[in-house]
N, C-alpha and C. Protein backbone atom coordinates (compact mmCIF):
# COMPACT_ATOMS: atom_id res chain seq x y z
N MET A 1 23.73 -5.01 -11.91
CA MET A 1 22.34 -4.68 -12.03
C MET A 1 21.66 -5.64 -11.17
N ARG A 2 20.63 -4.79 -10.78
CA ARG A 2 19.64 -5.71 -9.88
C ARG A 2 18.91 -6.47 -10.20
N GLU A 3 18.80 -7.60 -9.97
CA GLU A 3 17.93 -8.63 -10.60
C GLU A 3 16.36 -8.55 -9.73
N VAL A 4 15.44 -8.57 -10.58
CA VAL A 4 14.04 -8.16 -10.31
C VAL A 4 13.31 -9.94 -10.17
N PRO A 5 12.74 -10.49 -9.40
CA PRO A 5 12.24 -11.69 -9.08
C PRO A 5 11.23 -11.51 -10.22
N GLU A 6 11.07 -12.87 -10.63
CA GLU A 6 9.81 -13.34 -11.79
C GLU A 6 8.88 -13.27 -10.60
N SER A 7 7.40 -12.81 -11.34
CA SER A 7 6.27 -13.17 -10.47
C SER A 7 5.91 -14.70 -10.61
N PRO A 8 5.47 -15.74 -9.87
CA PRO A 8 4.99 -16.81 -10.35
C PRO A 8 3.95 -16.94 -10.81
N THR A 9 4.19 -18.23 -11.88
CA THR A 9 3.19 -18.12 -13.15
C THR A 9 1.96 -19.01 -12.60
N THR A 10 2.16 -19.83 -11.25
CA THR A 10 0.98 -20.66 -10.99
C THR A 10 1.01 -20.83 -9.67
N GLY A 11 -0.39 -21.14 -8.91
CA GLY A 11 -0.36 -20.94 -7.52
C GLY A 11 -1.08 -19.40 -7.16
N LYS A 12 -0.97 -19.25 -5.94
CA LYS A 12 -1.75 -18.09 -5.73
C LYS A 12 -0.95 -16.77 -5.51
N VAL A 13 -1.09 -15.85 -6.23
CA VAL A 13 -0.63 -14.86 -6.18
C VAL A 13 -1.10 -13.66 -4.79
N ASP A 14 -0.34 -13.25 -4.08
CA ASP A 14 -0.64 -12.65 -2.97
C ASP A 14 -0.71 -10.86 -3.39
N VAL A 15 -2.18 -10.52 -3.59
CA VAL A 15 -2.51 -9.42 -3.94
C VAL A 15 -3.05 -8.64 -3.30
N GLN A 16 -2.28 -7.48 -2.45
CA GLN A 16 -3.17 -6.78 -1.38
C GLN A 16 -4.16 -5.86 -1.92
N PRO A 17 -5.28 -5.39 -1.18
CA PRO A 17 -6.34 -4.90 -1.80
C PRO A 17 -6.27 -3.66 -1.98
N TRP A 18 -5.11 -2.97 -1.61
CA TRP A 18 -5.05 -1.46 -1.92
C TRP A 18 -4.47 -1.43 -3.47
N GLU A 19 -3.89 -2.71 -3.76
CA GLU A 19 -3.08 -2.79 -5.18
C GLU A 19 -4.14 -2.84 -6.41
N ALA A 20 -5.48 -2.69 -5.99
CA ALA A 20 -6.42 -3.19 -7.21
C ALA A 20 -6.80 -1.91 -7.36
N PRO A 21 -7.02 -1.53 -8.83
CA PRO A 21 -7.18 -0.24 -9.55
C PRO A 21 -8.59 -0.04 -9.10
N ASP A 22 -8.75 1.53 -8.25
CA ASP A 22 -9.75 2.14 -7.75
C ASP A 22 -10.44 1.34 -6.37
N ALA A 23 -9.36 0.76 -5.80
CA ALA A 23 -9.59 0.10 -4.56
C ALA A 23 -10.13 1.07 -3.66
N PHE A 24 -9.85 1.85 -3.20
CA PHE A 24 -9.96 2.71 -2.44
C PHE A 24 -11.52 3.73 -2.51
N ASP A 25 -11.69 3.92 -3.84
CA ASP A 25 -13.17 4.33 -4.48
C ASP A 25 -14.24 3.33 -4.01
N LYS A 26 -13.85 2.03 -4.19
CA LYS A 26 -14.96 1.17 -3.83
C LYS A 26 -15.30 0.80 -2.39
N LEU A 27 -14.54 1.41 -1.59
CA LEU A 27 -14.98 1.57 0.02
C LEU A 27 -16.39 2.41 0.16
N THR A 28 -16.98 2.22 1.17
CA THR A 28 -17.88 3.00 1.42
C THR A 28 -17.54 4.05 1.82
N LYS A 29 -17.99 5.36 2.28
CA LYS A 29 -17.81 6.56 3.03
C LYS A 29 -17.44 6.12 4.58
N THR A 30 -17.78 5.10 5.22
CA THR A 30 -17.80 5.02 6.62
C THR A 30 -16.46 4.21 6.74
N GLN A 31 -16.31 3.25 5.40
CA GLN A 31 -15.14 2.58 5.58
C GLN A 31 -13.53 3.31 5.27
N GLN A 32 -14.16 4.20 4.41
CA GLN A 32 -12.75 4.92 3.92
C GLN A 32 -12.34 5.97 5.19
N ASP A 33 -13.31 6.25 5.88
CA ASP A 33 -12.98 7.12 7.10
C ASP A 33 -12.35 6.41 8.16
N ALA A 34 -12.87 4.96 8.28
CA ALA A 34 -12.18 4.41 9.40
C ALA A 34 -10.99 3.75 9.01
N LEU A 35 -10.57 3.66 7.91
CA LEU A 35 -9.46 3.14 7.42
C LEU A 35 -8.68 4.35 7.65
N GLY A 36 -9.06 5.48 6.89
CA GLY A 36 -7.94 6.59 7.31
C GLY A 36 -7.68 7.18 8.72
N ALA A 37 -8.66 6.84 9.53
CA ALA A 37 -8.40 7.02 11.05
C ALA A 37 -7.30 5.97 11.42
N ALA A 38 -7.42 4.50 11.19
CA ALA A 38 -6.68 3.54 11.50
C ALA A 38 -5.13 3.62 10.88
N TYR A 39 -5.31 4.18 9.59
CA TYR A 39 -3.68 4.02 9.16
C TYR A 39 -3.02 5.69 9.61
N ILE A 40 -3.81 6.15 10.65
CA ILE A 40 -2.88 7.43 11.68
C ILE A 40 -3.01 7.11 12.77
N GLY A 41 -3.21 6.21 13.41
CA GLY A 41 -3.30 5.53 14.69
C GLY A 41 -4.47 6.19 15.41
N GLN A 42 -5.47 6.33 14.71
CA GLN A 42 -6.93 6.88 15.49
C GLN A 42 -7.95 5.87 15.34
N ASP A 43 -7.50 4.78 15.36
CA ASP A 43 -8.58 3.90 15.31
C ASP A 43 -9.55 3.51 16.53
N LEU A 44 -9.63 4.17 17.84
CA LEU A 44 -10.26 3.94 19.03
C LEU A 44 -11.56 4.25 18.75
N TRP A 45 -12.12 5.17 18.21
CA TRP A 45 -13.47 5.48 18.31
C TRP A 45 -13.86 5.40 16.92
N GLN A 46 -13.52 4.30 16.01
CA GLN A 46 -14.04 4.03 14.86
C GLN A 46 -15.11 2.63 15.16
N PRO A 47 -16.20 2.55 14.21
CA PRO A 47 -16.84 1.55 14.41
C PRO A 47 -16.37 -0.02 14.50
N ARG A 48 -16.48 -0.74 15.19
CA ARG A 48 -15.79 -1.99 15.66
C ARG A 48 -15.76 -2.77 14.47
N HIS A 49 -17.27 -2.74 13.95
CA HIS A 49 -17.76 -4.01 12.97
C HIS A 49 -16.92 -3.38 11.67
N VAL A 50 -16.71 -2.22 11.75
CA VAL A 50 -16.06 -1.43 10.29
C VAL A 50 -14.59 -2.00 9.93
N LEU A 51 -14.12 -1.73 11.28
CA LEU A 51 -12.49 -2.30 11.64
C LEU A 51 -12.69 -3.77 11.38
N GLU A 52 -13.18 -4.66 11.67
CA GLU A 52 -13.33 -5.76 11.82
C GLU A 52 -13.29 -6.30 10.40
N GLY A 53 -14.28 -5.78 9.65
CA GLY A 53 -14.44 -5.86 8.19
C GLY A 53 -13.19 -5.44 7.42
N LEU A 54 -12.55 -4.61 7.64
CA LEU A 54 -11.35 -4.15 6.90
C LEU A 54 -10.26 -5.00 7.05
N ALA A 55 -10.26 -5.45 8.38
CA ALA A 55 -9.14 -6.57 8.79
C ALA A 55 -9.13 -7.71 7.93
N LYS A 56 -10.18 -8.22 8.00
CA LYS A 56 -10.81 -9.77 7.29
C LYS A 56 -10.45 -9.29 5.96
N ALA A 57 -10.64 -8.59 5.36
CA ALA A 57 -10.41 -7.83 3.90
C ALA A 57 -8.88 -7.78 3.45
N GLY A 58 -8.08 -7.71 4.43
CA GLY A 58 -6.40 -7.19 4.33
C GLY A 58 -6.02 -5.97 4.29
N TRP A 59 -6.88 -4.89 4.81
CA TRP A 59 -7.15 -3.36 4.78
C TRP A 59 -6.39 -3.39 5.86
N LEU A 60 -6.44 -3.77 7.11
CA LEU A 60 -6.04 -3.57 8.42
C LEU A 60 -5.33 -4.74 8.99
N ALA A 61 -4.35 -4.38 9.80
CA ALA A 61 -3.75 -5.75 10.72
C ALA A 61 -4.29 -5.27 11.83
N ARG A 62 -4.36 -6.44 12.68
CA ARG A 62 -5.03 -6.47 14.18
C ARG A 62 -3.63 -6.69 15.41
N GLU A 63 -3.39 -5.55 16.00
CA GLU A 63 -2.26 -5.74 16.97
C GLU A 63 -2.40 -5.63 18.36
N PRO A 64 -2.11 -6.81 19.54
CA PRO A 64 -2.75 -6.92 20.34
C PRO A 64 -1.70 -5.50 21.25
N GLY A 65 -2.44 -4.88 22.41
CA GLY A 65 -2.00 -3.94 23.18
C GLY A 65 -2.26 -3.86 24.38
N ILE A 66 -1.25 -3.16 25.50
CA ILE A 66 -2.05 -2.86 26.85
C ILE A 66 -2.10 -1.70 26.84
N VAL A 67 -3.37 -1.41 27.48
CA VAL A 67 -3.84 0.15 28.06
C VAL A 67 -3.09 0.15 29.47
N PRO A 68 -2.23 0.72 30.15
CA PRO A 68 -1.54 0.76 31.41
C PRO A 68 -2.80 1.18 32.48
N GLY A 69 -2.89 0.93 33.25
CA GLY A 69 -4.03 1.40 34.51
C GLY A 69 -3.66 2.63 35.00
N ASN A 70 -4.75 3.09 35.56
CA ASN A 70 -4.25 4.12 36.35
C ASN A 70 -3.52 4.15 38.13
N PRO A 71 -2.55 4.22 38.41
CA PRO A 71 -1.80 3.91 39.57
C PRO A 71 -2.41 5.05 40.46
N LYS A 72 -3.12 6.14 40.52
CA LYS A 72 -3.75 6.67 41.43
C LYS A 72 -5.24 6.38 41.61
N GLY A 73 -5.62 5.83 40.63
CA GLY A 73 -7.21 5.29 40.77
C GLY A 73 -7.43 4.17 42.10
N ASN A 74 -8.68 3.95 41.76
CA ASN A 74 -9.10 2.65 42.57
C ASN A 74 -8.70 1.35 42.06
N ALA A 75 -9.16 0.42 42.91
CA ALA A 75 -8.50 -0.77 42.56
C ALA A 75 -8.56 -1.42 41.36
N ILE A 76 -9.81 -1.12 40.62
CA ILE A 76 -10.31 -1.81 39.33
C ILE A 76 -9.39 -1.18 38.23
N ASP A 77 -9.29 0.40 38.61
CA ASP A 77 -8.64 1.31 37.78
C ASP A 77 -7.28 0.89 37.48
N ARG A 78 -6.59 0.32 38.63
CA ARG A 78 -5.11 0.29 38.44
C ARG A 78 -4.90 -1.10 37.45
N LEU A 79 -5.59 -1.83 37.14
CA LEU A 79 -5.46 -3.03 36.47
C LEU A 79 -5.01 -2.04 34.80
N PRO A 80 -4.26 -3.10 34.27
CA PRO A 80 -4.10 -2.53 32.88
C PRO A 80 -5.04 -3.75 31.81
N ILE A 81 -5.56 -2.86 30.96
CA ILE A 81 -6.43 -3.66 29.63
C ILE A 81 -5.85 -4.21 28.73
N HIS A 82 -6.06 -5.38 28.27
CA HIS A 82 -5.64 -5.82 27.20
C HIS A 82 -6.51 -5.64 26.02
N VAL A 83 -6.24 -4.68 24.97
CA VAL A 83 -6.89 -4.56 23.64
C VAL A 83 -6.29 -5.03 22.37
N VAL A 84 -7.22 -4.65 21.54
CA VAL A 84 -6.82 -4.73 20.16
C VAL A 84 -6.86 -3.64 19.18
N ARG A 85 -5.74 -3.53 18.80
CA ARG A 85 -5.65 -2.08 17.68
C ARG A 85 -5.64 -2.56 16.49
N PHE A 86 -6.08 -1.73 15.40
CA PHE A 86 -6.32 -1.81 14.08
C PHE A 86 -5.34 -0.68 13.57
N VAL A 87 -4.20 -1.64 12.82
CA VAL A 87 -3.22 -0.60 12.03
C VAL A 87 -3.02 -1.00 10.59
N CYS A 88 -2.35 -0.12 10.36
CA CYS A 88 -1.67 -0.21 8.83
C CYS A 88 -0.74 -1.31 8.59
N PRO A 89 -1.60 -2.25 7.46
CA PRO A 89 -0.52 -3.53 7.41
C PRO A 89 1.03 -3.09 7.08
N SER A 90 1.07 -2.24 6.13
CA SER A 90 2.52 -2.02 5.73
C SER A 90 2.71 -0.55 5.12
N TRP A 91 3.99 0.02 5.02
CA TRP A 91 4.17 1.16 4.08
C TRP A 91 3.44 1.33 3.25
N ALA A 92 3.36 0.35 2.32
CA ALA A 92 2.91 0.26 1.02
C ALA A 92 1.61 0.66 1.04
N ALA A 93 0.89 0.13 2.06
CA ALA A 93 -0.50 0.44 2.37
C ALA A 93 -0.50 2.12 2.26
N HIS A 94 0.24 2.49 3.61
CA HIS A 94 -0.21 3.83 3.77
C HIS A 94 0.28 4.86 2.79
N MET A 95 1.23 4.80 1.96
CA MET A 95 1.93 5.76 0.94
C MET A 95 0.11 5.14 -0.50
N ALA A 96 0.01 4.28 -0.42
CA ALA A 96 -1.18 4.10 -1.41
C ALA A 96 -2.12 4.82 -1.03
N TRP A 97 -2.85 4.87 0.59
CA TRP A 97 -3.81 5.73 0.89
C TRP A 97 -3.62 7.17 0.95
N CYS A 98 -2.01 7.55 1.14
CA CYS A 98 -1.76 8.92 0.83
C CYS A 98 -2.16 9.51 -0.52
N ALA A 99 -1.33 8.46 -1.52
CA ALA A 99 -1.48 9.17 -2.89
C ALA A 99 -3.21 9.29 -3.47
N TRP A 100 -3.94 8.19 -2.98
CA TRP A 100 -5.33 8.46 -3.15
C TRP A 100 -5.91 9.69 -2.49
N CYS A 101 -5.38 9.97 -1.19
CA CYS A 101 -5.96 11.27 -0.84
C CYS A 101 -5.58 12.54 -1.41
N ALA A 102 -4.33 12.37 -1.96
CA ALA A 102 -3.59 13.51 -2.57
C ALA A 102 -4.95 13.81 -3.91
N GLU A 103 -5.19 12.76 -4.64
CA GLU A 103 -5.70 12.95 -5.72
C GLU A 103 -7.24 13.54 -5.43
N GLN A 104 -7.73 13.46 -4.48
CA GLN A 104 -9.38 13.65 -3.89
C GLN A 104 -9.34 14.86 -3.88
N PRO A 105 -10.54 15.80 -4.30
CA PRO A 105 -10.54 17.19 -4.48
C PRO A 105 -10.96 17.81 -3.07
N ASP A 106 -10.36 19.07 -2.43
CA ASP A 106 -10.34 19.29 -1.33
C ASP A 106 -11.75 20.07 -1.09
N ASP A 107 -12.33 19.77 0.30
CA ASP A 107 -13.61 20.48 0.40
C ASP A 107 -13.97 21.97 0.33
N ASN A 108 -12.67 22.69 1.19
CA ASN A 108 -12.57 23.92 1.04
C ASN A 108 -12.63 24.53 -0.20
N ASP A 109 -11.75 24.10 -1.24
CA ASP A 109 -11.72 24.65 -2.55
C ASP A 109 -13.41 24.24 -3.17
N GLN A 110 -13.79 23.34 -3.07
CA GLN A 110 -15.04 23.67 -3.53
C GLN A 110 -16.08 24.40 -2.84
N ALA A 111 -16.07 24.52 -1.67
CA ALA A 111 -17.01 25.76 -0.90
C ALA A 111 -16.61 27.12 -1.31
N ALA A 112 -15.54 27.33 -1.73
CA ALA A 112 -15.13 28.88 -2.12
C ALA A 112 -15.40 29.12 -3.57
N ASP A 113 -15.39 27.87 -4.68
CA ASP A 113 -16.03 28.47 -5.94
C ASP A 113 -17.54 27.99 -6.22
N PRO A 114 -18.48 29.13 -5.88
CA PRO A 114 -19.66 28.56 -6.41
C PRO A 114 -19.61 28.26 -7.73
N PRO A 115 -20.86 27.74 -8.30
CA PRO A 115 -21.03 27.40 -9.63
C PRO A 115 -21.43 28.81 -10.34
N ARG A 116 -20.86 28.92 -11.61
CA ARG A 116 -21.28 30.13 -12.13
C ARG A 116 -22.00 30.04 -13.09
N ARG A 117 -22.82 30.86 -13.34
CA ARG A 117 -24.27 30.88 -13.93
C ARG A 117 -23.67 31.34 -15.61
N PRO A 118 -23.80 30.66 -16.93
CA PRO A 118 -23.73 31.21 -18.24
C PRO A 118 -24.10 32.45 -18.46
């Protein structure tokens, strides 16, 4: 039989933000959009201040990266650029996001069914 480790009864417990009840619902629409984009690797065009705030709160992880230069460009374009990417911190966070997204109503379903009059 597999042993389950006991939860610590004293000290700081490491609770991730996505584990809290209704955690994703408490984010603003802009935060939800930026988080979803970052979780699928599309963080480049999201507001930097929103991504920084989500990273400080534990929703995202910062990851250094290098964008290679263009070998056919002029001298300045050939230089690599060091960047910071905002990525999903764990599979658990990604799966929690996917589960939350699955619970949300589909925009197309709402548009297809106009309200009925009695």
